[in-house]
């Protein structure tokens, strides 16, 4: 049985393939690199070059990702510090 070879691409290659499929795509190299950096997309390193499986990107775009939590993590405004000055 013949197995398919994974279509490994750089971030620029991923965007080029997506633009060939859909010229009006909103996916950018920055977005692909962000997905690699935060671990959403698996990556294979070839030296300093990050290679991503195009089929993984297509599956991710098809199924989507979880929405970030809209609540802020850091408190806003002025807050009291319990420090005594000498």
PDB file of N, CA and C in Angstrom:
ATOM      1  N   UNK A   1       0.843  -1.170   0.000  1.00  0.00           N
ATOM      2  CA  UNK A   1       0.000   0.000   0.000  1.00  0.00           C
ATOM      3  C   UNK A   1       0.891   1.237   0.000  1.00  0.00           C
ATOM      4  N   UNK A   2       0.595   2.155  -0.875  1.00  0.00           N
ATOM      5  CA  UNK A   2       1.377   3.368  -1.008  1.00  0.00           C
ATOM      6  C   UNK A   2       0.845   4.432  -0.057  1.00  0.00           C
ATOM      7  N   UNK A   3       1.703   4.909   0.828  1.00  0.00           N
ATOM      8  CA  UNK A   3       1.318   5.970   1.748  1.00  0.00           C
ATOM      9  C   UNK A   3       1.625   7.318   1.114  1.00  0.00           C
ATOM     10  N   UNK A   4       0.843   8.298   1.464  1.00  0.00           N
ATOM     11  CA  UNK A   4       1.091   9.630   0.921  1.00  0.00           C
ATOM     12  C   UNK A   4       2.212  10.315   1.693  1.00  0.00           C
ATOM     13  N   UNK A   5       2.964  11.097   0.988  1.00  0.00           N
ATOM     14  CA  UNK A   5       4.047  11.852   1.594  1.00  0.00           C
ATOM     15  C   UNK A   5       3.449  13.135   2.169  1.00  0.00           C
ATOM     16  N   UNK A   6       3.792  13.480   3.407  1.00  0.00           N
ATOM     17  CA  UNK A   6       3.257  14.716   3.976  1.00  0.00           C
ATOM     18  C   UNK A   6       3.726  15.925   3.172  1.00  0.00           C
ATOM     19  N   UNK A   7       2.830  16.870   2.978  1.00  0.00           N
ATOM     20  CA  UNK A   7       3.147  18.084   2.225  1.00  0.00           C
ATOM     21  C   UNK A   7       3.684  19.131   3.202  1.00  0.00           C
ATOM     22  N   UNK A   8       4.983  19.046   3.474  1.00  0.00           N
ATOM     23  CA  UNK A   8       5.629  19.922   4.442  1.00  0.00           C
ATOM     24  C   UNK A   8       6.015  21.230   3.752  1.00  0.00           C
ATOM     25  N   UNK A   9       5.643  22.354   4.397  1.00  0.00           N
ATOM     26  CA  UNK A   9       5.904  23.664   3.831  1.00  0.00           C
ATOM     27  C   UNK A   9       6.371  24.615   4.929  1.00  0.00           C
ATOM     28  N   UNK A  10       7.063  25.680   4.521  1.00  0.00           N
ATOM     29  CA  UNK A  10       7.379  26.774   5.423  1.00  0.00           C
ATOM     30  C   UNK A  10       6.125  27.632   5.563  1.00  0.00           C
ATOM     31  N   UNK A  11       6.168  28.622   6.436  1.00  0.00           N
ATOM     32  CA  UNK A  11       5.014  29.514   6.603  1.00  0.00           C
ATOM     33  C   UNK A  11       4.691  30.211   5.280  1.00  0.00           C
ATOM     34  N   UNK A  12       5.725  30.655   4.568  1.00  0.00           N
ATOM     35  CA  UNK A  12       5.508  31.304   3.277  1.00  0.00           C
ATOM     36  C   UNK A  12       4.912  30.320   2.267  1.00  0.00           C
ATOM     37  N   UNK A  13       5.378  29.074   2.294  1.00  0.00           N
ATOM     38  CA  UNK A  13       4.847  28.050   1.397  1.00  0.00           C
ATOM     39  C   UNK A  13       3.398  27.708   1.698  1.00  0.00           C
ATOM     40  N   UNK A  14       3.045  27.678   2.997  1.00  0.00           N
ATOM     41  CA  UNK A  14       1.661  27.417   3.401  1.00  0.00           C
ATOM     42  C   UNK A  14       0.747  28.503   2.834  1.00  0.00           C
ATOM     43  N   UNK A  15       1.159  29.759   3.003  1.00  0.00           N
ATOM     44  CA  UNK A  15       0.339  30.882   2.525  1.00  0.00           C
ATOM     45  C   UNK A  15       0.242  30.851   1.001  1.00  0.00           C
ATOM     46  N   UNK A  16       1.328  30.514   0.312  1.00  0.00           N
ATOM     47  CA  UNK A  16       1.293  30.434  -1.151  1.00  0.00           C
ATOM     48  C   UNK A  16       0.312  29.355  -1.615  1.00  0.00           C
ATOM     49  N   UNK A  17       0.333  28.196  -0.957  1.00  0.00           N
ATOM     50  CA  UNK A  17      -0.597  27.120  -1.312  1.00  0.00           C
ATOM     51  C   UNK A  17      -2.045  27.540  -1.059  1.00  0.00           C
ATOM     52  N   UNK A  18      -2.288  28.197   0.087  1.00  0.00           N
ATOM     53  CA  UNK A  18      -3.647  28.637   0.401  1.00  0.00           C
ATOM     54  C   UNK A  18      -4.132  29.698  -0.578  1.00  0.00           C
ATOM     55  N   UNK A  19      -3.233  30.597  -0.989  1.00  0.00           N
ATOM     56  CA  UNK A  19      -3.609  31.620  -1.977  1.00  0.00           C
ATOM     57  C   UNK A  19      -3.900  30.992  -3.345  1.00  0.00           C
ATOM     58  N   UNK A  20      -3.214  29.899  -3.658  1.00  0.00           N
ATOM     59  CA  UNK A  20      -3.503  29.197  -4.911  1.00  0.00           C
ATOM     60  C   UNK A  20      -4.895  28.560  -4.862  1.00  0.00           C
ATOM     61  N   UNK A  21      -5.285  28.059  -3.676  1.00  0.00           N
ATOM     62  CA  UNK A  21      -6.612  27.464  -3.506  1.00  0.00           C
ATOM     63  C   UNK A  21      -7.697  28.530  -3.408  1.00  0.00           C
ATOM     64  N   UNK A  22      -7.374  29.624  -2.712  1.00  0.00           N
ATOM     65  CA  UNK A  22      -8.338  30.700  -2.466  1.00  0.00           C
ATOM     66  C   UNK A  22      -7.590  32.032  -2.504  1.00  0.00           C
ATOM     67  N   UNK A  23      -7.662  32.747  -3.626  1.00  0.00           N
ATOM     68  CA  UNK A  23      -6.916  34.008  -3.745  1.00  0.00           C
ATOM     69  C   UNK A  23      -7.299  35.064  -2.705  1.00  0.00           C
ATOM     70  N   UNK A  24      -8.473  34.966  -2.125  1.00  0.00           N
ATOM     71  CA  UNK A  24      -8.925  35.956  -1.141  1.00  0.00           C
ATOM     72  C   UNK A  24      -8.729  35.496   0.298  1.00  0.00           C
ATOM     73  N   UNK A  25      -7.868  34.521   0.525  1.00  0.00           N
ATOM     74  CA  UNK A  25      -7.671  34.006   1.880  1.00  0.00           C
ATOM     75  C   UNK A  25      -7.145  35.101   2.811  1.00  0.00           C
ATOM     76  N   UNK A  26      -7.536  35.016   4.058  1.00  0.00           N
ATOM     77  CA  UNK A  26      -7.070  35.968   5.061  1.00  0.00           C
ATOM     78  C   UNK A  26      -5.923  35.433   5.884  1.00  0.00           C
ATOM     79  N   UNK A  27      -5.463  34.238   5.582  1.00  0.00           N
ATOM     80  CA  UNK A  27      -4.367  33.621   6.339  1.00  0.00           C
ATOM     81  C   UNK A  27      -3.048  34.260   5.914  1.00  0.00           C
ATOM     82  N   UNK A  28      -2.274  34.686   6.911  1.00  0.00           N
ATOM     83  CA  UNK A  28      -0.990  35.338   6.652  1.00  0.00           C
ATOM     84  C   UNK A  28       0.154  34.505   7.227  1.00  0.00           C
ATOM     85  N   UNK A  29       1.373  34.843   6.816  1.00  0.00           N
ATOM     86  CA  UNK A  29       2.546  34.171   7.369  1.00  0.00           C
ATOM     87  C   UNK A  29       2.633  34.410   8.873  1.00  0.00           C
ATOM     88  N   UNK A  30       2.293  35.604   9.302  1.00  0.00           N
ATOM     89  CA  UNK A  30       2.325  35.926  10.730  1.00  0.00           C
ATOM     90  C   UNK A  30       1.393  34.992  11.506  1.00  0.00           C
ATOM     91  N   UNK A  31       0.207  34.753  10.974  1.00  0.00           N
ATOM     92  CA  UNK A  31      -0.761  33.862  11.629  1.00  0.00           C
ATOM     93  C   UNK A  31      -0.218  32.439  11.719  1.00  0.00           C
ATOM     94  N   UNK A  32       0.368  31.941  10.638  1.00  0.00           N
ATOM     95  CA  UNK A  32       0.922  30.578  10.629  1.00  0.00           C
ATOM     96  C   UNK A  32       2.066  30.482  11.631  1.00  0.00           C
ATOM     97  N   UNK A  33       2.937  31.478  11.643  1.00  0.00           N
ATOM     98  CA  UNK A  33       4.059  31.459  12.602  1.00  0.00           C
ATOM     99  C   UNK A  33       3.562  31.520  14.041  1.00  0.00           C
ATOM    100  N   UNK A  34       2.491  32.275  14.275  1.00  0.00           N
ATOM    101  CA  UNK A  34       1.910  32.354  15.616  1.00  0.00           C
ATOM    102  C   UNK A  34       1.377  30.982  16.048  1.00  0.00           C
ATOM    103  N   UNK A  35       0.718  30.264  15.136  1.00  0.00           N
ATOM    104  CA  UNK A  35       0.200  28.934  15.449  1.00  0.00           C
ATOM    105  C   UNK A  35       1.332  27.964  15.758  1.00  0.00           C
ATOM    106  N   UNK A  36       2.455  28.118  15.073  1.00  0.00           N
ATOM    107  CA  UNK A  36       3.623  27.270  15.341  1.00  0.00           C
ATOM    108  C   UNK A  36       4.219  27.622  16.697  1.00  0.00           C
ATOM    109  N   UNK A  37       4.368  28.921  16.954  1.00  0.00           N
ATOM    110  CA  UNK A  37       5.005  29.383  18.196  1.00  0.00           C
ATOM    111  C   UNK A  37       4.233  28.969  19.438  1.00  0.00           C
ATOM    112  N   UNK A  38       2.888  29.033  19.380  1.00  0.00           N
ATOM    113  CA  UNK A  38       2.123  28.669  20.584  1.00  0.00           C
ATOM    114  C   UNK A  38       1.786  27.182  20.656  1.00  0.00           C
ATOM    115  N   UNK A  39       2.297  26.380  19.706  1.00  0.00           N
ATOM    116  CA  UNK A  39       2.139  24.933  19.777  1.00  0.00           C
ATOM    117  C   UNK A  39       0.836  24.398  19.215  1.00  0.00           C
ATOM    118  N   UNK A  40       0.044  25.237  18.581  1.00  0.00           N
ATOM    119  CA  UNK A  40      -1.218  24.783  17.990  1.00  0.00           C
ATOM    120  C   UNK A  40      -0.959  23.875  16.794  1.00  0.00           C
ATOM    121  N   UNK A  41       0.066  24.191  16.021  1.00  0.00           N
ATOM    122  CA  UNK A  41       0.446  23.361  14.874  1.00  0.00           C
ATOM    123  C   UNK A  41       1.739  22.622  15.178  1.00  0.00           C
ATOM    124  N   UNK A  42       1.771  21.321  14.904  1.00  0.00           N
ATOM    125  CA  UNK A  42       3.034  20.596  15.068  1.00  0.00           C
ATOM    126  C   UNK A  42       4.026  21.022  13.986  1.00  0.00           C
ATOM    127  N   UNK A  43       5.283  21.002  14.313  1.00  0.00           N
ATOM    128  CA  UNK A  43       6.318  21.469  13.399  1.00  0.00           C
ATOM    129  C   UNK A  43       7.472  20.478  13.373  1.00  0.00           C
ATOM    130  N   UNK A  44       8.136  20.381  12.233  1.00  0.00           N
ATOM    131  CA  UNK A  44       9.369  19.611  12.084  1.00  0.00           C
ATOM    132  C   UNK A  44      10.456  20.617  11.743  1.00  0.00           C
ATOM    133  N   UNK A  45      11.508  20.619  12.538  1.00  0.00           N
ATOM    134  CA  UNK A  45      12.596  21.566  12.315  1.00  0.00           C
ATOM    135  C   UNK A  45      13.634  20.955  11.391  1.00  0.00           C
ATOM    136  N   UNK A  46      13.971  21.670  10.324  1.00  0.00           N
ATOM    137  CA  UNK A  46      15.039  21.294   9.406  1.00  0.00           C
ATOM    138  C   UNK A  46      16.099  22.385   9.523  1.00  0.00           C
ATOM    139  N   UNK A  47      16.995  22.207  10.471  1.00  0.00           N
ATOM    140  CA  UNK A  47      17.938  23.276  10.785  1.00  0.00           C
ATOM    141  C   UNK A  47      17.191  24.387  11.494  1.00  0.00           C
ATOM    142  N   UNK A  48      17.212  25.571  10.910  1.00  0.00           N
ATOM    143  CA  UNK A  48      16.475  26.695  11.491  1.00  0.00           C
ATOM    144  C   UNK A  48      15.139  26.924  10.786  1.00  0.00           C
ATOM    145  N   UNK A  49      14.800  26.045   9.862  1.00  0.00           N
ATOM    146  CA  UNK A  49      13.574  26.185   9.081  1.00  0.00           C
ATOM    147  C   UNK A  49      12.459  25.332   9.690  1.00  0.00           C
ATOM    148  N   UNK A  50      11.332  25.972   9.977  1.00  0.00           N
ATOM    149  CA  UNK A  50      10.177  25.266  10.533  1.00  0.00           C
ATOM    150  C   UNK A  50       9.301  24.773   9.382  1.00  0.00           C
ATOM    151  N   UNK A  51       9.075  23.471   9.341  1.00  0.00           N
ATOM    152  CA  UNK A  51       8.226  22.880   8.303  1.00  0.00           C
ATOM    153  C   UNK A  51       6.920  22.404   8.936  1.00  0.00           C
ATOM    154  N   UNK A  52       5.811  22.781   8.302  1.00  0.00           N
ATOM    155  CA  UNK A  52       4.484  22.470   8.803  1.00  0.00           C
ATOM    156  C   UNK A  52       3.755  21.663   7.735  1.00  0.00           C
ATOM    157  N   UNK A  53       2.984  20.680   8.178  1.00  0.00           N
ATOM    158  CA  UNK A  53       2.208  19.857   7.261  1.00  0.00           C
ATOM    159  C   UNK A  53       0.999  20.663   6.778  1.00  0.00           C
ATOM    160  N   UNK A  54       0.888  20.837   5.475  1.00  0.00           N
ATOM    161  CA  UNK A  54      -0.211  21.604   4.887  1.00  0.00           C
ATOM    162  C   UNK A  54      -1.560  21.009   5.255  1.00  0.00           C
ATOM    163  N   UNK A  55      -1.651  19.688   5.320  1.00  0.00           N
ATOM    164  CA  UNK A  55      -2.920  19.043   5.672  1.00  0.00           C
ATOM    165  C   UNK A  55      -3.335  19.353   7.110  1.00  0.00           C
ATOM    166  N   UNK A  56      -2.354  19.512   8.011  1.00  0.00           N
ATOM    167  CA  UNK A  56      -2.662  19.912   9.390  1.00  0.00           C
ATOM    168  C   UNK A  56      -3.255  21.322   9.426  1.00  0.00           C
ATOM    169  N   UNK A  57      -2.713  22.212   8.602  1.00  0.00           N
ATOM    170  CA  UNK A  57      -3.221  23.583   8.544  1.00  0.00           C
ATOM    171  C   UNK A  57      -4.646  23.587   8.000  1.00  0.00           C
ATOM    172  N   UNK A  58      -4.878  22.822   6.942  1.00  0.00           N
ATOM    173  CA  UNK A  58      -6.223  22.757   6.359  1.00  0.00           C
ATOM    174  C   UNK A  58      -7.230  22.191   7.361  1.00  0.00           C
ATOM    175  N   UNK A  59      -6.827  21.164   8.110  1.00  0.00           N
ATOM    176  CA  UNK A  59      -7.712  20.592   9.121  1.00  0.00           C
ATOM    177  C   UNK A  59      -8.003  21.607  10.228  1.00  0.00           C
ATOM    178  N   UNK A  60      -6.975  22.336  10.649  1.00  0.00           N
ATOM    179  CA  UNK A  60      -7.164  23.348  11.680  1.00  0.00           C
ATOM    180  C   UNK A  60      -8.112  24.446  11.202  1.00  0.00           C
ATOM    181  N   UNK A  61      -7.934  24.885   9.971  1.00  0.00           N
ATOM    182  CA  UNK A  61      -8.814  25.923   9.430  1.00  0.00           C
ATOM    183  C   UNK A  61     -10.239  25.410   9.269  1.00  0.00           C
ATOM    184  N   UNK A  62     -10.376  24.132   8.982  1.00  0.00           N
ATOM    185  CA  UNK A  62     -11.710  23.545   8.823  1.00  0.00           C
ATOM    186  C   UNK A  62     -12.428  23.427  10.165  1.00  0.00           C
ATOM    187  N   UNK A  63     -11.714  22.996  11.197  1.00  0.00           N
ATOM    188  CA  UNK A  63     -12.332  22.751  12.502  1.00  0.00           C
ATOM    189  C   UNK A  63     -12.276  23.962  13.420  1.00  0.00           C
ATOM    190  N   UNK A  64     -11.316  24.862  13.222  1.00  0.00           N
ATOM    191  CA  UNK A  64     -11.197  26.056  14.047  1.00  0.00           C
ATOM    192  C   UNK A  64     -10.409  25.810  15.316  1.00  0.00           C
ATOM    193  N   UNK A  65     -10.219  26.881  16.054  1.00  0.00           N
ATOM    194  CA  UNK A  65      -9.520  26.828  17.328  1.00  0.00           C
ATOM    195  C   UNK A  65     -10.432  27.376  18.410  1.00  0.00           C
ATOM    196  N   UNK A  66     -10.071  27.150  19.649  1.00  0.00           N
ATOM    197  CA  UNK A  66     -10.861  27.661  20.768  1.00  0.00           C
ATOM    198  C   UNK A  66     -10.686  29.174  20.862  1.00  0.00           C
ATOM    199  N   UNK A  67     -11.745  29.851  21.220  1.00  0.00           N
ATOM    200  CA  UNK A  67     -11.685  31.303  21.393  1.00  0.00           C
ATOM    201  C   UNK A  67     -10.906  31.642  22.658  1.00  0.00           C
ATOM    202  N   UNK A  68     -10.104  32.694  22.620  1.00  0.00           N
ATOM    203  CA  UNK A  68      -9.404  33.094  23.844  1.00  0.00           C
ATOM    204  C   UNK A  68     -10.392  33.620  24.873  1.00  0.00           C
ATOM    205  N   UNK A  69     -10.022  33.496  26.143  1.00  0.00           N
ATOM    206  CA  UNK A  69     -10.854  33.976  27.234  1.00  0.00           C
ATOM    207  C   UNK A  69     -10.912  35.499  27.193  1.00  0.00           C
ATOM    208  N   UNK A  70     -12.103  36.099  27.097  1.00  0.00           N
ATOM    209  CA  UNK A  70     -12.181  37.559  26.966  1.00  0.00           C
ATOM    210  C   UNK A  70     -11.899  38.316  28.260  1.00  0.00           C
ATOM    211  N   UNK A  71     -11.848  37.630  29.406  1.00  0.00           N
ATOM    212  CA  UNK A  71     -11.599  38.329  30.658  1.00  0.00           C
ATOM    213  C   UNK A  71     -10.123  38.688  30.764  1.00  0.00           C
ATOM    214  N   UNK A  72      -9.822  39.892  31.207  1.00  0.00           N
ATOM    215  CA  UNK A  72      -8.412  40.280  31.320  1.00  0.00           C
ATOM    216  C   UNK A  72      -7.718  39.497  32.433  1.00  0.00           C
ATOM    217  N   UNK A  73      -6.449  39.215  32.237  1.00  0.00           N
ATOM    218  CA  UNK A  73      -5.700  38.443  33.230  1.00  0.00           C
ATOM    219  C   UNK A  73      -5.070  39.352  34.273  1.00  0.00           C
ATOM    220  N   UNK A  74      -4.782  40.589  33.914  1.00  0.00           N
ATOM    221  CA  UNK A  74      -4.179  41.524  34.855  1.00  0.00           C
ATOM    222  C   UNK A  74      -5.247  42.507  35.326  1.00  0.00           C
ATOM    223  N   UNK A  75      -5.228  42.850  36.614  1.00  0.00           N
ATOM    224  CA  UNK A  75      -6.218  43.816  37.095  1.00  0.00           C
ATOM    225  C   UNK A  75      -5.969  45.183  36.468  1.00  0.00           C
ATOM    226  N   UNK A  76      -7.045  45.895  36.180  1.00  0.00           N
ATOM    227  CA  UNK A  76      -6.913  47.216  35.593  1.00  0.00           C
ATOM    228  C   UNK A  76      -7.092  48.300  36.637  1.00  0.00           C
ATOM    229  N   UNK A  77      -6.680  49.500  36.314  1.00  0.00           N
ATOM    230  CA  UNK A  77      -6.878  50.625  37.205  1.00  0.00           C
ATOM    231  C   UNK A  77      -5.842  50.698  38.312  1.00  0.00           C
ATOM    232  N   UNK A  78      -6.140  51.535  39.287  1.00  0.00           N
ATOM    233  CA  UNK A  78      -5.239  51.738  40.418  1.00  0.00           C
ATOM    234  C   UNK A  78      -5.626  50.759  41.524  1.00  0.00           C
ATOM    235  N   UNK A  79      -4.638  50.136  42.145  1.00  0.00           N
ATOM    236  CA  UNK A  79      -4.933  49.221  43.230  1.00  0.00           C
ATOM    237  C   UNK A  79      -4.058  49.577  44.426  1.00  0.00           C
ATOM    238  N   UNK A  80      -4.541  49.263  45.554  1.00  0.00           N
ATOM    239  CA  UNK A  80      -3.861  49.601  46.792  1.00  0.00           C
ATOM    240  C   UNK A  80      -2.705  48.635  47.067  1.00  0.00           C
ATOM    241  N   UNK A  81      -1.571  49.174  47.470  1.00  0.00           N
ATOM    242  CA  UNK A  81      -0.428  48.380  47.883  1.00  0.00           C
ATOM    243  C   UNK A  81      -0.267  48.537  49.373  1.00  0.00           C
ATOM    244  N   UNK A  82      -0.174  47.465  50.110  1.00  0.00           N
ATOM    245  CA  UNK A  82      -0.027  47.501  51.562  1.00  0.00           C
ATOM    246  C   UNK A  82       1.449  47.543  51.929  1.00  0.00           C
ATOM    247  N   UNK A  83       2.059  48.711  51.734  1.00  0.00           N
ATOM    248  CA  UNK A  83       3.470  48.913  52.044  1.00  0.00           C
ATOM    249  C   UNK A  83       3.572  50.152  52.927  1.00  0.00           C
ATOM    250  N   UNK A  84       4.315  50.048  54.028  1.00  0.00           N
ATOM    251  CA  UNK A  84       4.510  51.193  54.911  1.00  0.00           C
ATOM    252  C   UNK A  84       5.821  51.872  54.558  1.00  0.00           C
ATOM    253  N   UNK A  85       5.744  53.158  54.364  1.00  0.00           N
ATOM    254  CA  UNK A  85       6.943  53.934  54.054  1.00  0.00           C
ATOM    255  C   UNK A  85       7.559  54.442  55.343  1.00  0.00           C
ATOM    256  N   UNK A  86       8.867  54.491  55.433  1.00  0.00           N
ATOM    257  CA  UNK A  86       9.553  54.979  56.636  1.00  0.00           C
ATOM    258  C   UNK A  86       9.854  56.436  56.513  1.00  0.00           C
TER     259      UNK A  86
END
